[in-house]
N, C-alpha and C. Protein backbone atom coordinates (compact mmCIF):
# COMPACT_ATOMS: atom_id res chain seq x y z
N MET A 1 314.03 -67.38 118.73
CA MET A 1 314.79 -66.46 118.89
C MET A 1 314.97 -65.93 119.68
N ALA A 2 316.23 -65.29 120.93
CA ALA A 2 315.77 -64.89 122.12
C ALA A 2 315.47 -63.27 122.00
N VAL A 3 314.95 -62.93 122.85
CA VAL A 3 314.86 -60.99 123.02
C VAL A 3 315.61 -60.68 123.72
N THR A 4 316.38 -59.63 123.47
CA THR A 4 317.83 -58.66 123.85
C THR A 4 317.02 -57.77 124.42
N PRO A 5 317.25 -58.09 125.66
CA PRO A 5 316.47 -56.81 127.11
C PRO A 5 316.73 -55.24 126.09
N ARG A 6 316.15 -54.61 126.53
CA ARG A 6 316.00 -52.98 125.76
C ARG A 6 315.59 -52.23 126.92
N ALA A 7 316.38 -51.36 127.25
CA ALA A 7 315.55 -50.50 128.38
C ALA A 7 314.58 -49.68 128.31
N ASN A 8 314.00 -49.51 129.60
CA ASN A 8 311.73 -49.15 129.49
C ASN A 8 312.85 -47.67 129.99
N SER A 9 311.31 -47.18 129.73
CA SER A 9 311.23 -45.86 130.73
C SER A 9 311.12 -46.06 131.85
N GLU A 10 310.05 -47.21 132.66
CA GLU A 10 310.17 -47.77 133.73
C GLU A 10 311.13 -48.17 134.41
N LEU A 11 312.21 -48.95 133.81
CA LEU A 11 313.71 -49.26 134.30
C LEU A 11 314.47 -48.00 134.84
N VAL A 12 314.50 -47.17 133.73
CA VAL A 12 315.18 -45.66 133.86
C VAL A 12 314.91 -45.12 135.29
N ALA A 13 313.66 -44.68 135.13
CA ALA A 13 312.59 -43.99 136.20
C ALA A 13 313.16 -44.79 137.85
N VAL A 14 313.34 -45.98 137.47
CA VAL A 14 313.36 -46.36 139.08
C VAL A 14 314.73 -46.32 139.75
N ALA A 15 315.88 -46.47 138.34
CA ALA A 15 317.27 -46.48 138.68
C ALA A 15 317.44 -44.78 139.25
N TRP A 16 317.10 -44.01 138.58
CA TRP A 16 317.00 -42.61 138.41
C TRP A 16 316.70 -41.96 140.07
N LEU A 17 315.71 -42.57 140.36
CA LEU A 17 314.91 -42.19 141.34
C LEU A 17 315.28 -42.80 142.77
N GLN A 18 316.17 -44.70 142.60
CA GLN A 18 316.52 -44.79 143.45
C GLN A 18 318.02 -44.04 143.86
N GLY A 19 318.41 -43.42 142.92
CA GLY A 19 319.90 -42.73 143.10
C GLY A 19 320.05 -40.85 143.70
N ALA A 20 318.41 -41.25 144.53
CA ALA A 20 318.51 -39.46 145.04
C ALA A 20 318.73 -39.41 146.32
N THR A 21 319.16 -38.71 146.78
CA THR A 21 319.91 -38.25 147.60
C THR A 21 318.55 -38.66 148.78
N GLY A 22 319.04 -39.49 149.82
CA GLY A 22 317.75 -39.48 150.95
C GLY A 22 317.17 -40.88 150.60
N MET A 23 317.14 -41.45 149.75
CA MET A 23 316.42 -42.99 149.11
C MET A 23 317.25 -44.05 149.87
N GLU A 24 316.67 -45.08 150.80
CA GLU A 24 317.08 -46.37 150.70
C GLU A 24 317.49 -46.93 149.91
N ALA A 25 317.95 -47.95 149.72
CA ALA A 25 318.43 -49.27 148.75
C ALA A 25 317.01 -50.23 149.07
N GLY A 26 316.76 -50.52 147.39
CA GLY A 26 315.66 -51.28 147.52
C GLY A 26 314.27 -50.34 147.98
N GLN A 27 314.05 -49.27 148.07
CA GLN A 27 313.50 -48.00 148.43
C GLN A 27 312.25 -48.01 146.93
N VAL A 28 312.49 -48.13 146.21
CA VAL A 28 312.13 -47.76 144.43
C VAL A 28 311.86 -48.81 143.32
N ALA A 29 310.65 -49.00 143.27
CA ALA A 29 310.38 -50.10 142.50
C ALA A 29 309.41 -49.80 141.29
N THR A 30 308.54 -50.95 140.56
CA THR A 30 307.56 -50.48 139.87
C THR A 30 306.28 -50.94 140.59
N THR A 31 306.94 -52.08 141.53
CA THR A 31 305.38 -52.93 142.55
C THR A 31 305.27 -53.00 143.98
N LEU A 32 304.81 -52.41 144.51
CA LEU A 32 305.08 -51.69 146.18
C LEU A 32 304.54 -53.46 146.35
N PRO A 33 305.76 -53.37 147.20
CA PRO A 33 305.89 -54.55 148.80
C PRO A 33 304.77 -55.38 149.26
N THR A 34 304.29 -56.56 149.23
CA THR A 34 302.77 -56.82 150.04
C THR A 34 303.54 -56.73 151.38
N ASP A 35 305.10 -57.35 151.94
CA ASP A 35 305.16 -56.88 153.31
C ASP A 35 305.22 -55.58 153.27
N VAL A 36 304.33 -54.90 154.10
CA VAL A 36 304.67 -53.80 154.81
C VAL A 36 305.89 -53.62 155.68
N SER A 37 306.09 -54.23 156.51
CA SER A 37 307.48 -54.20 157.28
C SER A 37 308.98 -53.66 156.57
N ALA A 38 308.25 -54.49 155.37
CA ALA A 38 310.10 -54.59 154.37
C ALA A 38 310.27 -53.30 154.37
N TRP A 39 309.13 -51.94 154.44
CA TRP A 39 309.17 -50.39 153.71
C TRP A 39 308.58 -49.30 154.79
N GLU A 40 307.78 -50.24 155.81
CA GLU A 40 306.79 -49.02 157.05
C GLU A 40 308.13 -47.89 158.04
N ALA A 41 309.07 -48.44 157.74
CA ALA A 41 310.12 -47.47 158.18
C ALA A 41 310.50 -45.92 157.26
N ASN A 42 310.56 -46.45 155.68
CA ASN A 42 310.99 -44.97 155.15
C ASN A 42 310.54 -44.91 154.23
N GLY A 43 308.84 -45.43 154.23
CA GLY A 43 308.25 -45.35 153.07
C GLY A 43 308.74 -45.94 151.77
N PHE A 44 307.79 -46.16 150.66
CA PHE A 44 308.74 -46.60 148.93
C PHE A 44 307.98 -45.92 148.07
N VAL A 45 308.58 -45.72 147.09
CA VAL A 45 308.06 -45.04 145.80
C VAL A 45 308.13 -46.16 145.15
N GLN A 46 306.79 -46.05 144.13
CA GLN A 46 306.14 -46.91 143.00
C GLN A 46 306.09 -46.30 141.92
N VAL A 47 306.95 -46.82 140.88
CA VAL A 47 306.98 -46.08 139.69
C VAL A 47 306.21 -46.44 138.32
N GLY A 48 305.50 -45.96 137.66
CA GLY A 48 304.97 -46.74 136.29
C GLY A 48 303.26 -46.59 137.08
N PRO A 49 302.55 -46.57 136.23
CA PRO A 49 302.96 -46.62 134.04
C PRO A 49 303.57 -45.06 133.44
N ALA A 50 303.86 -45.12 132.53
CA ALA A 50 304.32 -44.23 131.57
C ALA A 50 303.12 -43.39 131.00
N VAL A 51 302.83 -42.47 131.74
CA VAL A 51 301.25 -41.49 131.58
C VAL A 51 300.76 -40.64 130.01
N GLY A 52 302.30 -40.61 129.48
CA GLY A 52 302.16 -39.72 128.82
C GLY A 52 303.55 -39.76 127.64
N GLY A 53 304.19 -38.44 126.93
CA GLY A 53 305.21 -38.10 126.07
C GLY A 53 305.21 -39.08 125.25
N ALA A 54 306.58 -39.01 124.12
CA ALA A 54 306.83 -39.88 123.19
C ALA A 54 308.16 -39.75 122.79
N PRO A 55 308.37 -40.96 122.26
CA PRO A 55 309.94 -40.84 121.44
C PRO A 55 310.23 -39.64 120.60
N GLN A 56 311.43 -39.52 120.27
CA GLN A 56 311.43 -38.23 119.33
C GLN A 56 311.81 -39.59 117.60
N LEU A 57 311.03 -38.41 116.64
CA LEU A 57 310.75 -39.37 115.56
C LEU A 57 312.29 -39.55 115.12
N HIS A 58 313.14 -38.78 115.01
CA HIS A 58 314.53 -38.41 113.92
C HIS A 58 315.38 -39.15 114.77
N TYR A 59 315.47 -39.38 115.95
CA TYR A 59 316.70 -40.05 116.66
C TYR A 59 316.25 -40.37 118.15
N ALA A 60 316.91 -41.24 118.91
CA ALA A 60 316.71 -42.33 119.93
C ALA A 60 316.43 -41.38 121.02
N LEU A 61 315.96 -40.12 121.58
CA LEU A 61 315.51 -39.84 122.53
C LEU A 61 314.35 -39.96 122.69
N ARG A 62 313.93 -40.32 124.39
CA ARG A 62 312.75 -41.16 125.15
C ARG A 62 312.40 -39.64 126.01
N GLU A 63 310.95 -39.58 125.66
CA GLU A 63 310.54 -38.28 126.86
C GLU A 63 309.28 -38.92 127.35
N PRO A 64 309.71 -39.25 127.88
CA PRO A 64 308.15 -40.31 128.80
C PRO A 64 307.53 -39.65 130.15
N VAL A 65 306.10 -39.67 130.05
CA VAL A 65 306.00 -38.81 131.57
C VAL A 65 305.68 -40.04 132.53
N VAL A 66 305.90 -40.31 133.56
CA VAL A 66 305.95 -41.56 134.53
C VAL A 66 305.28 -40.86 135.46
N GLN A 67 303.91 -41.94 136.29
CA GLN A 67 303.52 -41.20 137.25
C GLN A 67 304.03 -42.34 138.32
N VAL A 68 304.12 -41.46 139.57
CA VAL A 68 305.18 -42.20 140.55
C VAL A 68 304.04 -41.71 141.66
N ASP A 69 304.48 -43.16 142.63
CA ASP A 69 303.58 -42.71 143.85
C ASP A 69 304.36 -42.96 144.97
N PHE A 70 304.02 -42.35 146.30
CA PHE A 70 305.01 -41.96 147.63
C PHE A 70 304.13 -42.57 148.35
N TYR A 71 304.63 -44.01 148.75
CA TYR A 71 303.80 -44.37 150.38
C TYR A 71 304.50 -44.16 151.64
N ALA A 72 303.47 -44.31 152.69
CA ALA A 72 304.15 -44.50 153.76
C ALA A 72 302.99 -45.05 154.97
N VAL A 73 303.03 -45.73 155.79
CA VAL A 73 302.14 -46.55 156.79
C VAL A 73 302.91 -46.64 158.16
N ASN A 74 301.73 -46.43 158.77
CA ASN A 74 302.05 -46.73 160.28
C ASN A 74 300.84 -47.89 160.64
N PRO A 75 301.33 -49.20 160.58
CA PRO A 75 300.99 -50.09 160.84
C PRO A 75 299.50 -50.23 162.52
N ALA A 76 300.85 -49.58 163.11
CA ALA A 76 300.56 -49.58 164.69
C ALA A 76 299.30 -48.42 165.17
N SER A 77 299.26 -47.54 164.26
CA SER A 77 297.63 -46.86 164.86
C SER A 77 296.74 -46.58 163.65
N GLY A 78 296.66 -47.04 162.51
CA GLY A 78 296.02 -47.13 161.59
C GLY A 78 295.66 -45.44 161.15
N LYS A 79 296.41 -44.28 161.24
CA LYS A 79 296.73 -42.95 160.68
C LYS A 79 297.13 -42.82 159.90
N PRO A 80 296.63 -43.06 158.55
CA PRO A 80 298.15 -42.79 157.47
C PRO A 80 299.20 -41.57 157.91
N PRO A 81 300.43 -42.19 157.72
CA PRO A 81 301.12 -41.03 157.97
C PRO A 81 301.75 -39.85 157.18
N TRP A 82 301.14 -39.01 156.50
CA TRP A 82 300.77 -37.98 155.41
C TRP A 82 302.14 -37.27 155.46
N GLY A 83 303.08 -36.76 156.51
CA GLY A 83 303.99 -35.74 156.30
C GLY A 83 305.12 -36.77 156.02
N LYS A 84 305.51 -38.07 156.20
CA LYS A 84 306.37 -39.15 155.74
C LYS A 84 306.11 -39.24 154.47
N ALA A 85 305.09 -39.45 153.94
CA ALA A 85 304.80 -39.65 152.16
C ALA A 85 305.08 -38.27 151.96
N ALA A 86 304.55 -36.91 152.26
CA ALA A 86 304.81 -36.09 151.28
C ALA A 86 306.33 -35.51 151.47
N SER A 87 307.18 -36.27 152.63
CA SER A 87 308.52 -35.86 152.85
C SER A 87 309.15 -36.70 151.91
N LEU A 88 308.81 -37.78 151.42
CA LEU A 88 309.51 -38.61 150.68
C LEU A 88 309.07 -38.21 149.08
N ALA A 89 307.85 -37.62 148.96
CA ALA A 89 307.76 -36.94 147.37
C ALA A 89 308.42 -35.71 147.06
N GLU A 90 308.75 -35.10 148.21
CA GLU A 90 309.65 -33.98 148.48
C GLU A 90 311.33 -34.36 147.72
N LEU A 91 311.72 -35.49 148.15
CA LEU A 91 312.89 -36.21 147.94
C LEU A 91 313.34 -35.87 146.67
N ALA A 92 312.43 -36.42 146.02
CA ALA A 92 311.60 -36.87 144.69
C ALA A 92 312.22 -35.35 143.89
N VAL A 93 311.35 -34.44 144.47
CA VAL A 93 311.27 -33.26 143.77
C VAL A 93 313.06 -32.71 143.82
N ALA A 94 313.16 -32.42 145.40
CA ALA A 94 314.22 -32.01 145.47
C ALA A 94 315.57 -32.65 144.03
N ALA A 95 315.78 -33.50 144.01
CA ALA A 95 316.43 -34.68 142.96
C ALA A 95 316.58 -33.59 141.65
N THR A 96 315.12 -33.70 141.45
CA THR A 96 315.07 -32.56 139.65
C THR A 96 316.46 -31.66 139.84
N TYR A 97 316.14 -30.53 140.63
CA TYR A 97 317.06 -29.45 141.15
C TYR A 97 318.60 -30.01 141.35
N ASP A 98 318.76 -30.84 141.65
CA ASP A 98 320.26 -31.56 141.92
C ASP A 98 321.21 -31.61 140.55
N GLU A 99 322.08 -30.86 139.62
CA GLU A 99 322.54 -30.75 138.36
C GLU A 99 323.47 -32.16 138.19
N ALA A 100 324.34 -32.14 139.62
CA ALA A 100 325.13 -33.30 139.62
C ALA A 100 324.17 -34.22 138.93
N ARG A 101 323.25 -34.79 138.56
CA ARG A 101 322.31 -35.53 139.13
C ARG A 101 321.90 -36.25 137.23
N MET A 102 321.87 -35.12 136.92
CA MET A 102 321.34 -34.65 135.46
C MET A 102 323.21 -35.38 134.57
N GLN A 103 322.39 -35.72 133.31
CA GLN A 103 323.72 -36.19 132.34
C GLN A 103 324.90 -37.25 133.23
N ARG A 104 324.33 -38.33 133.81
CA ARG A 104 325.02 -39.06 134.66
C ARG A 104 324.67 -40.57 134.17
N THR A 105 325.41 -41.42 134.19
CA THR A 105 324.69 -42.97 133.36
C THR A 105 324.30 -43.85 134.27
N LEU A 106 323.27 -44.47 134.44
CA LEU A 106 322.48 -45.36 134.86
C LEU A 106 322.50 -47.07 134.77
N THR A 107 322.89 -47.10 135.81
CA THR A 107 322.90 -48.54 135.87
C THR A 107 321.74 -49.69 135.68
N LEU A 108 321.61 -49.91 134.98
CA LEU A 108 320.20 -51.11 134.92
C LEU A 108 319.89 -52.22 135.01
N PRO A 109 319.14 -52.96 135.60
CA PRO A 109 319.44 -54.37 136.01
C PRO A 109 320.26 -54.87 135.01
N ALA A 110 320.81 -56.56 135.56
CA ALA A 110 321.90 -57.22 134.74
C ALA A 110 321.44 -57.61 133.37
N GLY A 111 322.20 -57.17 132.40
CA GLY A 111 321.04 -57.61 130.69
C GLY A 111 321.30 -56.91 130.42
N TYR A 112 320.63 -55.41 131.00
CA TYR A 112 319.98 -54.35 130.01
C TYR A 112 321.58 -53.69 130.01
N PRO A 113 321.18 -52.65 128.63
CA PRO A 113 322.00 -51.59 128.87
C PRO A 113 322.08 -50.15 129.49
N GLN A 114 322.81 -49.88 129.55
CA GLN A 114 322.88 -48.32 130.23
C GLN A 114 322.27 -47.53 129.70
N ALA A 115 321.72 -46.17 130.77
CA ALA A 115 320.78 -45.21 129.97
C ALA A 115 321.59 -43.83 130.62
N ARG A 116 321.13 -42.67 130.01
CA ARG A 116 321.59 -41.52 130.55
C ARG A 116 320.17 -40.63 130.85
N VAL A 117 319.87 -40.01 131.46
CA VAL A 117 318.70 -39.02 131.91
C VAL A 117 319.30 -37.55 131.48
N MET A 118 319.57 -37.12 130.74
CA MET A 118 319.82 -35.89 130.37
C MET A 118 318.74 -34.39 131.27
N THR A 119 317.74 -34.81 131.12
CA THR A 119 316.71 -34.14 132.44
C THR A 119 315.61 -34.87 132.80
N ALA A 120 315.19 -34.20 134.03
CA ALA A 120 314.27 -34.97 134.83
C ALA A 120 313.12 -33.74 135.61
N HIS A 121 312.19 -33.06 135.24
CA HIS A 121 311.30 -32.61 135.95
C HIS A 121 309.59 -32.86 136.28
N PHE A 122 309.33 -32.59 137.52
CA PHE A 122 307.84 -32.64 137.63
C PHE A 122 306.98 -31.93 136.29
N ILE A 123 305.67 -32.44 136.22
CA ILE A 123 304.80 -31.74 135.51
C ILE A 123 304.12 -31.26 136.12
N SER A 124 303.69 -32.43 137.68
CA SER A 124 302.45 -32.15 138.35
C SER A 124 303.07 -31.78 139.86
N GLU A 125 302.29 -30.72 140.64
CA GLU A 125 302.83 -30.86 141.99
C GLU A 125 302.22 -32.98 142.31
N PRO A 126 303.21 -33.03 143.80
CA PRO A 126 303.03 -34.26 144.42
C PRO A 126 301.68 -34.04 144.75
N ARG A 127 300.10 -34.81 145.00
CA ARG A 127 298.89 -34.54 145.47
C ARG A 127 298.58 -35.87 146.37
N ARG A 128 297.70 -35.19 147.51
CA ARG A 128 297.79 -36.15 148.12
C ARG A 128 296.15 -37.43 147.76
N LEU A 129 296.49 -38.73 147.70
CA LEU A 129 294.95 -39.27 147.66
C LEU A 129 294.50 -40.01 148.82
N PRO A 130 293.48 -39.29 149.38
CA PRO A 130 293.24 -39.93 150.48
C PRO A 130 291.88 -41.26 150.41
N GLY A 131 291.39 -41.68 151.82
CA GLY A 131 290.59 -42.49 151.05
C GLY A 131 290.69 -44.46 150.77
N ASP A 132 291.84 -44.40 151.48
CA ASP A 132 292.42 -45.60 151.36
C ASP A 132 292.09 -46.46 152.41
N ASP A 133 291.64 -48.02 152.10
CA ASP A 133 291.35 -48.41 153.30
C ASP A 133 291.90 -49.31 154.14
N SER A 134 292.97 -49.04 153.56
CA SER A 134 294.38 -49.94 154.49
C SER A 134 295.41 -49.01 155.31
N SER A 135 294.65 -47.56 155.09
CA SER A 135 295.68 -46.29 155.75
C SER A 135 296.70 -45.84 155.44
N TYR A 136 297.08 -46.61 154.19
CA TYR A 136 298.04 -45.90 153.59
C TYR A 136 298.58 -44.52 153.42
N ALA A 137 299.35 -43.57 153.78
CA ALA A 137 299.56 -42.39 153.40
C ALA A 137 299.86 -42.52 151.88
N ARG A 138 299.25 -42.04 150.61
CA ARG A 138 299.82 -41.85 149.31
C ARG A 138 299.61 -40.60 148.58
N PHE A 139 300.68 -40.01 148.18
CA PHE A 139 300.95 -39.07 147.40
C PHE A 139 301.34 -39.35 145.69
N GLN A 140 300.59 -38.47 144.77
CA GLN A 140 301.29 -39.31 143.48
C GLN A 140 301.60 -37.66 142.60
N ALA A 141 302.29 -38.33 141.55
CA ALA A 141 303.03 -36.89 140.81
C ALA A 141 303.62 -37.60 138.86
N ASP A 142 303.45 -37.01 138.41
CA ASP A 142 303.51 -37.15 137.29
C ASP A 142 305.08 -36.43 136.60
N LEU A 143 306.34 -37.34 136.81
CA LEU A 143 307.39 -36.79 136.22
C LEU A 143 308.01 -37.16 134.58
N ALA A 144 308.44 -35.88 134.52
CA ALA A 144 308.95 -36.32 132.91
C ALA A 144 310.51 -36.32 132.33
N PHE A 145 311.15 -37.37 131.96
CA PHE A 145 312.45 -37.38 131.66
C PHE A 145 312.51 -37.11 130.02
N HIS A 146 313.82 -37.02 130.00
CA HIS A 146 314.62 -37.05 128.55
C HIS A 146 315.60 -38.15 129.23
N TRP A 147 315.44 -39.32 127.92
CA TRP A 147 316.84 -39.98 128.23
C TRP A 147 316.89 -40.95 126.98
N ILE A 148 318.29 -41.58 127.31
CA ILE A 148 318.63 -42.20 125.81
C ILE A 148 319.82 -43.37 126.55
N THR A 149 319.53 -44.64 125.61
CA THR A 149 320.38 -45.80 125.88
C THR A 149 321.91 -45.75 125.26
N LEU A 150 322.39 -46.25 126.39
CA LEU A 150 324.09 -45.93 125.73
C LEU A 150 324.31 -47.21 124.99
C-alpha cells in the first residue's frame, strides 16, 4: 500500500518562513547545506525539530512550536558574522507582525496538500549560540504556529 504524503509542521514552517519579506529562494530548509558557498552571501534558516505544542483534540488544527536556527558565516575571516545572523532572525520576527502573511494558502512540495497558517509568533527571543568550532554565527528561537491542511 502506498503512503499518501501528508503535510507536517516542518514543511509548513519552511514554506511560511520562505515567504517572509527579504528571504531569498532556497534560503530556508530543514537541513543546513554542507556547501557554505551556497549560503554565505545571505545566511541560512534551518527549521526543526518541533519542540512543543499539540494538535487539537476535536478538529484538525495543529499548534506546534518549532525550533528555528539562523546561520551566517564568513569563511574568509573566521570571525562569526553575528550581525548578519541576528538580522536574518529579525526578518523572521518581522514576518510574524505582517498581517497580510496570515490566513494565506501555502504551497508545499509536490504531492503534499496545501496548508494555511492562521497565526505565527515567536515564544522566545532569538538567542545567540556562541562557541561553534567552524566560526558560524547562529541564533536560535522557538516559533509557534496555528495551521490546518486544506
